[in-house]
Amino acid sequence: MDEQPEAVAAGRPLDRRAELSEFLRSRRARLKPEDVGLPDFGRHRRVPGLRREELAQLAGVSVAYYTRLEQGNGRNVSAEVLGSIARALRLTDAEQAHLTHLAKPKAHKKKPAARQQQVRAALRQLLDTVDGVPAYIAGRRAEILAWNRMAAALFGDWAELPPADRNWARLVFLRPEYRDLFIDWEQKAIDIVCVLRMDAGCYPDDPRLSALVGELSVKSEEFRRLWATHDVKEKGHGVKRLHHPLVGDLLLSYETFRVADDTDQALITYHAEPHSPSAESLRLLASWGTDATRAVPSA
């Protein structure tokens, strides 16, 4: 594991240099010479993946320069060099953005990360008017900021939870009923960790994020394992399979809409294919209203 849980839980910020170093090493380790068009003469490799000199050759930089960067020293690295390294490592757009945030933290706008996010009144009204569609607004650290009646019927009544527990990471890793709710729980867990990793790159000094990572590292072996992969990605849409205690299995598509005046907030909606069994199940949940939330167990 990269961070000592006790240190992070105490509110100490995540070590940006260590994050940069571990991220680059993890991306280099997943590549083989044949993946990037380099010959592999069958020499014994002490570590998996590309060697530093091979990666430096692909990126067009000196071995010493790349070594300094992989040791966490990205202070003077240019955007052009980061782009070359990202291409050499076959990074996705999300991974390249994460690399830039780690290497050049002053390149993105600063926000008071520890401040509680506020949802505009108009957005709350919008949630209430979206009838028959589970919808909620998520913020930094995978926090659930606002939701409508259908989201409560589908996922459980978050109003009954303390504010600190209205967080997807705590729900997925620490509450057993969410293992039953998400049929592919492992993929949901991966998605949540990737979101937290992206936040860590943008806001390494956020004490609440550090405390959350520390808490989950102590309480969940699965979180520790996934956190150590350093995977990052953004999934704006997709499909989730759920098993609701009242209506059984549902196949729902989700869409993510970033809030224009605060891109750290997103509106997430779930919908079913018209005339499908899942659409009928959503209609049943809508008709039951708050009675549906009582069927979701509260651990």
Foldseek 3Di string as FASTA:
>chain_A
DQDQLVVLLVLFFFDLLSLQLLLLVLLQQVADCVNQVHDDPPDDDPGHGDDLCVLCVQLVHHSVVSVCRNSRALDPPDPSSLVSSCVSSVHDPLSSVLNCLSNPVVVDDDDPQQDDDDDDPVVQVVQAPPALKWKFKAFAQQATHHTYLLVCLLPANCVVPDRVCRGQQCCLFPPVLVPQFFVPSLVSNLQSLQRLLSSCSNCRSHSVSSSVLSVCVVVGPSSVVSNSSSDHDDDQKDWTWTQALPLGIAIWIKGWAADPVHSRMIMIIIDHDPPDSNSVVSVVSSVCGPVSNVSRDDD
